[in-house]
Amino acid sequence: MSKVKTYIISILIPVALGGLVGFLISGSMNYDQLNQPPLSPPGILFPIVWTILYILMGVSYGMLKTRSLADNEVNLIYYVQLGVNLLWPIAFFVLQWRLFAFFWIILLDVLVIAMIIKFYRRYKTAGYLQIPYLAWVLFASYLNLGVYILNR
């Protein structure tokens, strides 16, 4: 497979899956109606940030794939964290399990750290590109906990 095709597929998978989840939960999103903790950004910012992060995720994974550095360990951590990521909004918005969603996002924090380490050890740039993702997920963890506390 050509490098370009590998990058396109690597980017399209998280972006398309994130878009699908966004579409599926769109009727349940009540973020702007919730009591929010300090520093909460406007709801419109979330799809923009997530799209950028999914693109970076795909680029990082594509870097590993095109260099034949994506072994079973890399694939496992990448796809498990992506699955956990995609299930969080369902728990938070659709099911409104805010406390469960908080523990779920803590799991995501741990998986993203593990992914960054795994990516970094294979190809440093691939690891570095995931630092914004970690920062955002940590911030989202704070927001999740704040929303849970302020809306129970």
N, C-alpha and C. Protein backbone atom coordinates (compact mmCIF):
# COMPACT_ATOMS: atom_id res chain seq x y z
N MET A 1 0.84 -1.17 0.00
CA MET A 1 0.00 0.00 0.00
C MET A 1 0.89 1.24 0.00
N SER A 2 0.49 2.24 -0.77
CA SER A 2 1.29 3.46 -0.85
C SER A 2 1.22 4.23 0.47
N LYS A 3 2.23 5.06 0.68
CA LYS A 3 2.26 5.87 1.90
C LYS A 3 1.05 6.80 1.98
N VAL A 4 0.71 7.42 0.87
CA VAL A 4 -0.41 8.35 0.85
C VAL A 4 -1.70 7.63 1.25
N LYS A 5 -1.91 6.46 0.67
CA LYS A 5 -3.12 5.69 0.98
C LYS A 5 -3.12 5.26 2.45
N THR A 6 -1.98 4.88 2.97
CA THR A 6 -1.87 4.50 4.37
C THR A 6 -2.24 5.67 5.27
N TYR A 7 -1.73 6.86 4.97
CA TYR A 7 -2.06 8.05 5.76
C TYR A 7 -3.55 8.38 5.65
N ILE A 8 -4.10 8.32 4.46
CA ILE A 8 -5.52 8.64 4.27
C ILE A 8 -6.38 7.70 5.11
N ILE A 9 -6.11 6.40 5.03
CA ILE A 9 -6.89 5.43 5.80
C ILE A 9 -6.68 5.64 7.29
N SER A 10 -5.43 5.89 7.69
CA SER A 10 -5.12 6.09 9.11
C SER A 10 -5.83 7.32 9.68
N ILE A 11 -6.01 8.34 8.87
CA ILE A 11 -6.70 9.55 9.31
C ILE A 11 -8.22 9.36 9.24
N LEU A 12 -8.69 8.74 8.18
CA LEU A 12 -10.13 8.58 8.00
C LEU A 12 -10.78 7.72 9.09
N ILE A 13 -10.08 6.70 9.57
CA ILE A 13 -10.69 5.81 10.57
C ILE A 13 -11.10 6.58 11.82
N PRO A 14 -10.19 7.27 12.51
CA PRO A 14 -10.65 7.98 13.71
C PRO A 14 -11.59 9.15 13.41
N VAL A 15 -11.36 9.86 12.31
CA VAL A 15 -12.23 10.99 11.99
C VAL A 15 -13.65 10.50 11.67
N ALA A 16 -13.75 9.45 10.86
CA ALA A 16 -15.07 8.93 10.50
C ALA A 16 -15.78 8.33 11.71
N LEU A 17 -15.06 7.57 12.52
CA LEU A 17 -15.69 6.99 13.71
C LEU A 17 -16.10 8.07 14.70
N GLY A 18 -15.26 9.08 14.88
CA GLY A 18 -15.61 10.19 15.75
C GLY A 18 -16.83 10.93 15.22
N GLY A 19 -16.88 11.13 13.92
CA GLY A 19 -18.04 11.78 13.30
C GLY A 19 -19.30 10.95 13.46
N LEU A 20 -19.18 9.64 13.31
CA LEU A 20 -20.33 8.75 13.49
C LEU A 20 -20.86 8.83 14.91
N VAL A 21 -19.96 8.77 15.89
CA VAL A 21 -20.39 8.87 17.29
C VAL A 21 -21.03 10.24 17.53
N GLY A 22 -20.43 11.29 17.00
CA GLY A 22 -21.01 12.62 17.14
C GLY A 22 -22.42 12.69 16.58
N PHE A 23 -22.62 12.06 15.44
CA PHE A 23 -23.95 12.02 14.83
C PHE A 23 -24.92 11.23 15.70
N LEU A 24 -24.47 10.08 16.21
CA LEU A 24 -25.33 9.22 17.02
C LEU A 24 -25.76 9.87 18.33
N ILE A 25 -24.88 10.68 18.90
CA ILE A 25 -25.20 11.29 20.21
C ILE A 25 -25.78 12.70 20.07
N SER A 26 -25.86 13.22 18.86
CA SER A 26 -26.24 14.62 18.67
C SER A 26 -27.59 14.96 19.31
N GLY A 27 -28.51 14.04 19.32
CA GLY A 27 -29.81 14.30 19.93
C GLY A 27 -29.78 14.28 21.45
N SER A 28 -28.70 13.78 22.01
CA SER A 28 -28.59 13.66 23.47
C SER A 28 -27.66 14.70 24.09
N MET A 29 -27.02 15.48 23.27
CA MET A 29 -26.03 16.43 23.79
C MET A 29 -26.73 17.62 24.44
N ASN A 30 -26.52 17.77 25.73
CA ASN A 30 -27.12 18.85 26.49
C ASN A 30 -26.06 19.65 27.24
N TYR A 31 -24.86 19.67 26.72
CA TYR A 31 -23.71 20.28 27.39
C TYR A 31 -23.98 21.72 27.82
N ASP A 32 -24.55 22.52 26.94
CA ASP A 32 -24.78 23.94 27.25
C ASP A 32 -25.87 24.14 28.30
N GLN A 33 -26.67 23.11 28.56
CA GLN A 33 -27.73 23.21 29.56
C GLN A 33 -27.28 22.76 30.95
N LEU A 34 -26.08 22.23 31.05
CA LEU A 34 -25.57 21.72 32.32
C LEU A 34 -24.85 22.82 33.09
N ASN A 35 -24.86 22.71 34.40
CA ASN A 35 -23.99 23.55 35.21
C ASN A 35 -22.56 23.11 34.92
N GLN A 36 -21.70 24.07 34.62
CA GLN A 36 -20.35 23.74 34.19
C GLN A 36 -19.30 24.32 35.12
N PRO A 37 -18.18 23.63 35.24
CA PRO A 37 -17.11 24.14 36.08
C PRO A 37 -16.40 25.33 35.42
N PRO A 38 -15.60 26.06 36.21
CA PRO A 38 -14.82 27.16 35.62
C PRO A 38 -13.94 26.64 34.47
N LEU A 39 -13.69 27.51 33.53
CA LEU A 39 -12.86 27.26 32.34
C LEU A 39 -13.56 26.42 31.28
N SER A 40 -14.86 26.15 31.45
CA SER A 40 -15.59 25.36 30.45
C SER A 40 -15.67 26.13 29.15
N PRO A 41 -15.22 25.53 28.05
CA PRO A 41 -15.31 26.22 26.75
C PRO A 41 -16.72 26.11 26.19
N PRO A 42 -17.04 26.92 25.20
CA PRO A 42 -18.36 26.80 24.57
C PRO A 42 -18.46 25.45 23.84
N GLY A 43 -19.66 24.93 23.78
CA GLY A 43 -19.89 23.61 23.18
C GLY A 43 -19.41 23.50 21.75
N ILE A 44 -19.45 24.59 20.98
CA ILE A 44 -19.02 24.57 19.58
C ILE A 44 -17.55 24.20 19.42
N LEU A 45 -16.76 24.42 20.46
CA LEU A 45 -15.33 24.14 20.39
C LEU A 45 -15.02 22.64 20.34
N PHE A 46 -15.87 21.84 20.95
CA PHE A 46 -15.58 20.41 21.07
C PHE A 46 -15.43 19.68 19.73
N PRO A 47 -16.37 19.82 18.79
CA PRO A 47 -16.17 19.10 17.53
C PRO A 47 -14.95 19.57 16.75
N ILE A 48 -14.62 20.84 16.89
CA ILE A 48 -13.43 21.37 16.21
C ILE A 48 -12.17 20.73 16.79
N VAL A 49 -12.06 20.77 18.11
CA VAL A 49 -10.88 20.20 18.76
C VAL A 49 -10.78 18.71 18.50
N TRP A 50 -11.90 17.99 18.65
CA TRP A 50 -11.84 16.54 18.43
C TRP A 50 -11.45 16.19 17.00
N THR A 51 -11.92 16.95 16.04
CA THR A 51 -11.53 16.67 14.64
C THR A 51 -10.02 16.83 14.47
N ILE A 52 -9.47 17.88 15.03
CA ILE A 52 -8.01 18.09 14.95
C ILE A 52 -7.28 16.95 15.65
N LEU A 53 -7.76 16.57 16.82
CA LEU A 53 -7.09 15.49 17.56
C LEU A 53 -7.19 14.16 16.83
N TYR A 54 -8.34 13.87 16.22
CA TYR A 54 -8.47 12.62 15.45
C TYR A 54 -7.53 12.63 14.24
N ILE A 55 -7.37 13.78 13.62
CA ILE A 55 -6.43 13.89 12.49
C ILE A 55 -5.01 13.62 12.99
N LEU A 56 -4.62 14.25 14.10
CA LEU A 56 -3.28 14.02 14.65
C LEU A 56 -3.08 12.55 15.03
N MET A 57 -4.13 11.95 15.58
CA MET A 57 -4.06 10.54 15.94
C MET A 57 -3.79 9.69 14.69
N GLY A 58 -4.52 9.99 13.63
CA GLY A 58 -4.34 9.25 12.38
C GLY A 58 -2.97 9.48 11.77
N VAL A 59 -2.48 10.71 11.82
CA VAL A 59 -1.14 11.01 11.29
C VAL A 59 -0.08 10.23 12.07
N SER A 60 -0.19 10.24 13.39
CA SER A 60 0.78 9.51 14.21
C SER A 60 0.78 8.02 13.88
N TYR A 61 -0.41 7.47 13.82
CA TYR A 61 -0.52 6.03 13.51
C TYR A 61 0.00 5.77 12.09
N GLY A 62 -0.32 6.68 11.17
CA GLY A 62 0.18 6.53 9.80
C GLY A 62 1.69 6.56 9.74
N MET A 63 2.32 7.40 10.57
CA MET A 63 3.79 7.44 10.63
C MET A 63 4.35 6.07 11.00
N LEU A 64 3.72 5.43 11.96
CA LEU A 64 4.20 4.12 12.39
C LEU A 64 3.93 3.07 11.32
N LYS A 65 2.74 3.12 10.71
CA LYS A 65 2.39 2.14 9.67
C LYS A 65 3.32 2.25 8.47
N THR A 66 3.60 3.47 8.01
CA THR A 66 4.41 3.63 6.81
C THR A 66 5.87 3.25 7.05
N ARG A 67 6.28 3.22 8.29
CA ARG A 67 7.66 2.84 8.63
C ARG A 67 7.73 1.40 9.15
N SER A 68 6.64 0.67 9.01
CA SER A 68 6.55 -0.73 9.48
C SER A 68 6.88 -0.84 10.96
N LEU A 69 6.41 0.13 11.76
CA LEU A 69 6.67 0.14 13.20
C LEU A 69 5.41 -0.16 14.01
N ALA A 70 4.30 -0.41 13.32
CA ALA A 70 3.04 -0.68 14.00
C ALA A 70 2.87 -2.19 14.15
N ASP A 71 3.38 -2.71 15.27
CA ASP A 71 3.23 -4.14 15.54
C ASP A 71 1.94 -4.39 16.32
N ASN A 72 1.75 -5.62 16.82
CA ASN A 72 0.53 -5.97 17.55
C ASN A 72 0.34 -5.12 18.79
N GLU A 73 1.42 -4.80 19.50
CA GLU A 73 1.31 -3.96 20.71
C GLU A 73 0.81 -2.57 20.36
N VAL A 74 1.37 -1.98 19.33
CA VAL A 74 0.95 -0.65 18.89
C VAL A 74 -0.50 -0.68 18.45
N ASN A 75 -0.85 -1.67 17.63
CA ASN A 75 -2.23 -1.78 17.15
C ASN A 75 -3.20 -1.94 18.31
N LEU A 76 -2.85 -2.77 19.27
CA LEU A 76 -3.74 -3.01 20.41
C LEU A 76 -3.99 -1.73 21.21
N ILE A 77 -2.93 -1.05 21.60
CA ILE A 77 -3.11 0.16 22.43
C ILE A 77 -3.83 1.25 21.62
N TYR A 78 -3.51 1.36 20.35
CA TYR A 78 -4.14 2.38 19.52
C TYR A 78 -5.65 2.14 19.40
N TYR A 79 -6.04 0.93 19.03
CA TYR A 79 -7.45 0.67 18.81
C TYR A 79 -8.25 0.55 20.11
N VAL A 80 -7.62 0.09 21.19
CA VAL A 80 -8.32 0.04 22.47
C VAL A 80 -8.59 1.46 22.97
N GLN A 81 -7.57 2.34 22.91
CA GLN A 81 -7.82 3.71 23.36
C GLN A 81 -8.84 4.40 22.48
N LEU A 82 -8.83 4.11 21.19
CA LEU A 82 -9.81 4.71 20.28
C LEU A 82 -11.21 4.23 20.65
N GLY A 83 -11.36 2.94 20.94
CA GLY A 83 -12.66 2.41 21.35
C GLY A 83 -13.15 3.03 22.64
N VAL A 84 -12.26 3.14 23.62
CA VAL A 84 -12.62 3.76 24.89
C VAL A 84 -13.01 5.22 24.66
N ASN A 85 -12.26 5.90 23.82
CA ASN A 85 -12.55 7.29 23.47
C ASN A 85 -13.96 7.41 22.88
N LEU A 86 -14.29 6.54 21.95
CA LEU A 86 -15.56 6.63 21.24
C LEU A 86 -16.76 6.25 22.12
N LEU A 87 -16.52 5.47 23.15
CA LEU A 87 -17.62 5.08 24.04
C LEU A 87 -17.89 6.11 25.13
N TRP A 88 -16.90 6.96 25.43
CA TRP A 88 -17.10 7.95 26.48
C TRP A 88 -18.32 8.85 26.25
N PRO A 89 -18.49 9.46 25.06
CA PRO A 89 -19.63 10.37 24.90
C PRO A 89 -20.98 9.66 25.03
N ILE A 90 -21.01 8.37 24.73
CA ILE A 90 -22.25 7.62 24.90
C ILE A 90 -22.58 7.52 26.39
N ALA A 91 -21.57 7.19 27.19
CA ALA A 91 -21.78 7.11 28.64
C ALA A 91 -22.15 8.48 29.21
N PHE A 92 -21.46 9.52 28.78
CA PHE A 92 -21.65 10.85 29.35
C PHE A 92 -22.95 11.50 28.88
N PHE A 93 -23.22 11.49 27.58
CA PHE A 93 -24.36 12.22 27.04
C PHE A 93 -25.62 11.36 26.91
N VAL A 94 -25.50 10.21 26.28
CA VAL A 94 -26.69 9.40 26.01
C VAL A 94 -27.21 8.76 27.29
N LEU A 95 -26.33 8.05 28.00
CA LEU A 95 -26.74 7.36 29.21
C LEU A 95 -26.77 8.27 30.43
N GLN A 96 -26.07 9.41 30.34
CA GLN A 96 -25.94 10.38 31.43
C GLN A 96 -25.37 9.74 32.70
N TRP A 97 -24.46 8.82 32.51
CA TRP A 97 -23.75 8.19 33.62
C TRP A 97 -22.50 9.02 33.88
N ARG A 98 -22.67 10.17 34.45
CA ARG A 98 -21.58 11.13 34.60
C ARG A 98 -20.44 10.60 35.47
N LEU A 99 -20.75 9.94 36.59
CA LEU A 99 -19.68 9.40 37.43
C LEU A 99 -18.98 8.24 36.74
N PHE A 100 -19.74 7.34 36.13
CA PHE A 100 -19.14 6.25 35.36
C PHE A 100 -18.27 6.82 34.25
N ALA A 101 -18.78 7.84 33.56
CA ALA A 101 -18.03 8.47 32.47
C ALA A 101 -16.72 9.05 32.98
N PHE A 102 -16.73 9.58 34.21
CA PHE A 102 -15.49 10.10 34.78
C PHE A 102 -14.45 8.99 34.95
N PHE A 103 -14.85 7.87 35.50
CA PHE A 103 -13.90 6.76 35.66
C PHE A 103 -13.48 6.20 34.30
N TRP A 104 -14.40 6.23 33.34
CA TRP A 104 -14.10 5.77 31.98
C TRP A 104 -13.04 6.68 31.34
N ILE A 105 -13.18 7.99 31.55
CA ILE A 105 -12.21 8.92 30.95
C ILE A 105 -10.86 8.84 31.66
N ILE A 106 -10.86 8.46 32.94
CA ILE A 106 -9.58 8.23 33.62
C ILE A 106 -8.89 7.03 32.97
N LEU A 107 -9.66 6.01 32.64
CA LEU A 107 -9.10 4.88 31.89
C LEU A 107 -8.52 5.36 30.57
N LEU A 108 -9.23 6.26 29.90
CA LEU A 108 -8.72 6.82 28.64
C LEU A 108 -7.43 7.59 28.87
N ASP A 109 -7.36 8.37 29.95
CA ASP A 109 -6.12 9.09 30.28
C ASP A 109 -4.94 8.11 30.34
N VAL A 110 -5.14 7.02 31.05
CA VAL A 110 -4.08 6.02 31.22
C VAL A 110 -3.71 5.40 29.88
N LEU A 111 -4.71 5.07 29.08
CA LEU A 111 -4.45 4.46 27.77
C LEU A 111 -3.73 5.43 26.83
N VAL A 112 -4.09 6.70 26.88
CA VAL A 112 -3.42 7.69 26.02
C VAL A 112 -1.95 7.83 26.44
N ILE A 113 -1.69 7.85 27.74
CA ILE A 113 -0.30 7.90 28.20
C ILE A 113 0.46 6.68 27.71
N ALA A 114 -0.15 5.51 27.84
CA ALA A 114 0.50 4.28 27.37
C ALA A 114 0.73 4.33 25.86
N MET A 115 -0.23 4.87 25.13
CA MET A 115 -0.08 4.98 23.67
C MET A 115 1.06 5.94 23.32
N ILE A 116 1.13 7.07 24.01
CA ILE A 116 2.20 8.03 23.75
C ILE A 116 3.56 7.37 23.99
N ILE A 117 3.69 6.66 25.08
CA ILE A 117 4.96 5.98 25.38
C ILE A 117 5.29 4.98 24.30
N LYS A 118 4.31 4.18 23.91
CA LYS A 118 4.52 3.15 22.89
C LYS A 118 4.89 3.80 21.56
N PHE A 119 4.16 4.85 21.17
CA PHE A 119 4.45 5.54 19.91
C PHE A 119 5.84 6.18 19.97
N TYR A 120 6.14 6.85 21.07
CA TYR A 120 7.42 7.54 21.23
C TYR A 120 8.59 6.57 21.10
N ARG A 121 8.46 5.42 21.67
CA ARG A 121 9.55 4.43 21.61
C ARG A 121 9.78 3.92 20.20
N ARG A 122 8.73 3.97 19.37
CA ARG A 122 8.87 3.51 17.99
C ARG A 122 9.36 4.64 17.07
N TYR A 123 8.75 5.82 17.27
CA TYR A 123 9.07 6.98 16.42
C TYR A 123 8.68 8.23 17.19
N LYS A 124 9.67 8.98 17.63
CA LYS A 124 9.46 10.08 18.57
C LYS A 124 8.37 11.06 18.13
N THR A 125 8.37 11.45 16.87
CA THR A 125 7.39 12.41 16.38
C THR A 125 5.96 11.89 16.55
N ALA A 126 5.77 10.60 16.32
CA ALA A 126 4.44 10.01 16.49
C ALA A 126 3.97 10.14 17.94
N GLY A 127 4.88 10.02 18.87
CA GLY A 127 4.54 10.20 20.28
C GLY A 127 4.25 11.66 20.61
N TYR A 128 5.11 12.55 20.14
CA TYR A 128 4.93 13.98 20.41
C TYR A 128 3.60 14.51 19.88
N LEU A 129 3.17 14.00 18.73
CA LEU A 129 1.92 14.48 18.14
C LEU A 129 0.69 14.14 18.99
N GLN A 130 0.85 13.25 19.95
CA GLN A 130 -0.27 12.86 20.81
C GLN A 130 -0.34 13.67 22.10
N ILE A 131 0.61 14.53 22.34
CA ILE A 131 0.60 15.34 23.57
C ILE A 131 -0.63 16.27 23.62
N PRO A 132 -1.04 16.91 22.52
CA PRO A 132 -2.28 17.71 22.59
C PRO A 132 -3.50 16.85 22.95
N TYR A 133 -3.53 15.64 22.46
CA TYR A 133 -4.62 14.71 22.78
C TYR A 133 -4.64 14.43 24.28
N LEU A 134 -3.50 14.15 24.85
CA LEU A 134 -3.43 13.92 26.30
C LEU A 134 -3.87 15.15 27.07
N ALA A 135 -3.40 16.31 26.66
CA ALA A 135 -3.79 17.55 27.36
C ALA A 135 -5.30 17.75 27.31
N TRP A 136 -5.89 17.51 26.15
CA TRP A 136 -7.33 17.70 26.00
C TRP A 136 -8.12 16.67 26.82
N VAL A 137 -7.67 15.43 26.81
CA VAL A 137 -8.38 14.39 27.57
C VAL A 137 -8.27 14.66 29.07
N LEU A 138 -7.12 15.14 29.51
CA LEU A 138 -7.00 15.51 30.93
C LEU A 138 -7.93 16.67 31.27
N PHE A 139 -8.01 17.65 30.38
CA PHE A 139 -8.94 18.76 30.57
C PHE A 139 -10.39 18.26 30.56
N ALA A 140 -10.70 17.36 29.63
CA ALA A 140 -12.04 16.78 29.57
C ALA A 140 -12.36 15.99 30.84
N SER A 141 -11.34 15.38 31.45
CA SER A 141 -11.55 14.67 32.71
C SER A 141 -11.98 15.65 33.80
N TYR A 142 -11.31 16.78 33.86
CA TYR A 142 -11.68 17.84 34.80
C TYR A 142 -13.12 18.30 34.55
N LEU A 143 -13.45 18.54 33.29
CA LEU A 143 -14.80 19.00 32.95
C LEU A 143 -15.84 17.95 33.33
N ASN A 144 -15.54 16.69 33.04
CA ASN A 144 -16.46 15.60 33.36
C ASN A 144 -16.73 15.56 34.87
N LEU A 145 -15.67 15.62 35.67
CA LEU A 145 -15.85 15.59 37.12
C LEU A 145 -16.62 16.82 37.60
N GLY A 146 -16.29 17.97 37.05
CA GLY A 146 -16.99 19.19 37.43
C GLY A 146 -18.47 19.13 37.10
N VAL A 147 -18.80 18.63 35.92
CA VAL A 147 -20.21 18.50 35.53
C VAL A 147 -20.92 17.51 36.45
N TYR A 148 -20.25 16.43 36.77
CA TYR A 148 -20.87 15.46 37.68
C TYR A 148 -21.17 16.12 39.04
N ILE A 149 -20.19 16.80 39.60
CA ILE A 149 -20.37 17.40 40.93
C ILE A 149 -21.44 18.49 40.91
N LEU A 150 -21.45 19.31 39.87
CA LEU A 150 -22.37 20.45 39.82
C LEU A 150 -23.78 20.10 39.38
N ASN A 151 -23.99 18.87 38.89
CA ASN A 151 -25.31 18.50 38.35
C ASN A 151 -25.93 17.26 38.98
N ARG A 152 -25.41 16.84 40.12
CA ARG A 152 -25.99 15.63 40.71
C ARG A 152 -27.16 15.94 41.60
